[in-house]
């Protein structure tokens, strides 16, 4: 399915998990998104906040990846504001549903939730971005 065949491509939201994936491997998320024709990429402030929280955690490896993921995230447009939902996943789902965003994630449970809600998803499979 080609999600970007319309005249005005929709924006894509990145979740924490896909940013951590990009930081933990030699994976150029910007290049891979651009290769798919995706240029309007956004990161909600609550994802930034979660990455900041993870960057202060006890695990040295996770902290390192979270800091790098934070730098990657800050290269995209940051969405500020008050968002409805209790968890980061809830907020991401609500934002995507309300404003018509596509969500890029490496989180299988979140992907299932988004699919059930008929929200278009970009996910990772064998290091490739797949569009549902």
Protein backbone atom coordinates (compact mmCIF):
# COMPACT_ATOMS: atom_id res chain seq x y z
CA UNK A 1 0.00 0.00 0.00
CA UNK A 2 1.37 3.43 -0.94
CA UNK A 3 0.45 5.84 1.84
CA UNK A 4 2.10 8.75 0.12
CA UNK A 5 0.52 8.72 -3.33
CA UNK A 6 -1.81 11.65 -2.62
CA UNK A 7 -0.87 15.19 -3.60
CA UNK A 8 -0.35 16.20 0.03
CA UNK A 9 1.56 13.54 1.94
CA UNK A 10 0.55 13.18 5.56
CA UNK A 11 2.96 13.79 8.39
CA UNK A 12 4.54 10.90 10.27
CA UNK A 13 4.94 10.75 14.06
CA UNK A 14 7.94 8.91 15.49
CA UNK A 15 7.54 7.00 18.74
CA UNK A 16 10.15 6.43 21.42
CA UNK A 17 10.82 2.86 20.36
CA UNK A 18 11.76 3.60 16.75
CA UNK A 19 14.05 6.41 17.90
CA UNK A 20 15.76 4.08 20.40
CA UNK A 21 16.13 1.50 17.63
CA UNK A 22 17.79 4.08 15.37
CA UNK A 23 20.14 5.06 18.19
CA UNK A 24 21.07 1.51 19.19
CA UNK A 25 22.07 0.30 15.73
CA UNK A 26 23.77 1.74 12.73
CA UNK A 27 20.37 2.74 11.32
CA UNK A 28 19.86 6.08 9.60
CA UNK A 29 16.17 6.74 10.24
CA UNK A 30 16.26 10.05 8.33
CA UNK A 31 17.69 8.37 5.23
CA UNK A 32 15.25 5.46 5.42
CA UNK A 33 12.24 7.77 5.79
CA UNK A 34 13.43 10.00 2.94
CA UNK A 35 13.98 6.91 0.79
CA UNK A 36 10.26 6.16 1.27
CA UNK A 37 9.40 9.73 0.25
CA UNK A 38 8.62 10.78 3.82
CA UNK A 39 9.83 14.29 4.54
CA UNK A 40 7.29 15.62 7.05
CA UNK A 41 8.36 13.91 10.27
CA UNK A 42 7.35 15.06 13.73
CA UNK A 43 8.10 14.06 17.29
CA UNK A 44 5.60 14.89 20.03
CA UNK A 45 6.96 16.57 23.17
CA UNK A 46 5.81 13.64 25.30
CA UNK A 47 8.17 11.37 23.31
CA UNK A 48 10.98 13.87 23.94
CA UNK A 49 10.08 13.83 27.66
CA UNK A 50 10.16 10.03 27.74
CA UNK A 51 13.58 9.99 26.06
CA UNK A 52 14.85 12.55 28.59
CA UNK A 53 13.56 10.34 31.42
CA UNK A 54 15.22 7.26 29.87
CA UNK A 55 18.48 9.17 29.44
CA UNK A 56 18.68 9.56 33.23
CA UNK A 57 18.01 5.90 34.00
CA UNK A 58 20.31 3.49 35.80
CA UNK A 59 21.33 1.38 32.78
CA UNK A 60 24.46 2.76 31.16
CA UNK A 61 23.67 1.24 27.75
CA UNK A 62 20.02 2.41 27.74
CA UNK A 63 21.08 5.87 28.94
CA UNK A 64 23.58 6.16 26.09
CA UNK A 65 21.01 5.13 23.47
CA UNK A 66 18.34 7.42 24.95
CA UNK A 67 20.69 10.40 24.76
CA UNK A 68 21.49 9.64 21.13
CA UNK A 69 17.79 9.04 20.36
CA UNK A 70 17.06 12.43 21.93
CA UNK A 71 19.54 14.10 19.58
CA UNK A 72 17.97 12.32 16.60
CA UNK A 73 14.47 13.34 17.76
CA UNK A 74 15.46 16.98 18.08
CA UNK A 75 16.41 17.04 14.39
CA UNK A 76 12.70 16.73 13.54
CA UNK A 77 9.82 19.12 14.12
CA UNK A 78 8.72 18.94 17.77
CA UNK A 79 4.98 19.03 18.49
CA UNK A 80 4.24 20.94 21.69
CA UNK A 81 0.96 21.17 23.53
CA UNK A 82 -1.34 19.35 25.87
CA UNK A 83 -2.19 15.88 24.63
CA UNK A 84 -4.95 13.58 25.87
CA UNK A 85 -4.07 10.19 27.28
CA UNK A 86 -2.45 8.61 30.30
CA UNK A 87 0.52 6.83 28.75
CA UNK A 88 2.84 7.82 25.92
CA UNK A 89 1.20 5.18 23.72
CA UNK A 90 -2.29 6.50 24.56
CA UNK A 91 -1.22 10.04 23.70
CA UNK A 92 0.38 8.91 20.44
CA UNK A 93 -2.72 6.97 19.44
CA UNK A 94 -5.06 9.86 20.31
CA UNK A 95 -2.90 12.40 18.48
CA UNK A 96 -2.67 10.25 15.36
CA UNK A 97 -6.40 9.53 15.39
CA UNK A 98 -7.42 13.15 16.00
CA UNK A 99 -5.03 14.84 13.58
CA UNK A 100 -4.65 12.13 10.93
CA UNK A 101 -0.98 11.32 11.44
CA UNK A 102 0.75 8.14 10.37
CA UNK A 103 2.80 6.56 13.18
CA UNK A 104 6.27 5.05 12.78
CA UNK A 105 7.03 2.54 15.52
CA UNK A 106 9.14 -0.49 16.35
CA UNK A 107 6.76 -1.43 19.18
CA UNK A 108 4.61 -4.46 18.24
CA UNK A 109 1.88 -3.95 20.89
CA UNK A 110 1.51 -0.29 19.90
CA UNK A 111 1.38 -1.29 16.25
CA UNK A 112 -1.49 -3.68 17.00
CA UNK A 113 -3.39 -0.96 18.91
CA UNK A 114 -2.93 1.51 16.06
CA UNK A 115 -4.05 -1.03 13.47
CA UNK A 116 -7.21 -1.82 15.46
CA UNK A 117 -7.98 1.93 15.46
CA UNK A 118 -7.42 2.08 11.66
CA UNK A 119 -4.38 4.33 12.05
CA UNK A 120 -1.76 3.85 9.35
CA UNK A 121 1.54 2.51 10.63
CA UNK A 122 5.12 2.38 9.45
CA UNK A 123 7.08 -0.33 11.25
CA UNK A 124 10.42 -2.05 11.14
CA UNK A 125 10.89 -5.53 9.78
CA UNK A 126 14.38 -6.94 9.24
CA UNK A 127 15.81 -3.42 9.31
CA UNK A 128 13.43 -2.14 6.65
CA UNK A 129 10.56 0.29 6.99
CA UNK A 130 7.26 -1.32 6.03
CA UNK A 131 4.04 0.62 5.52
CA UNK A 132 0.74 -0.93 6.60
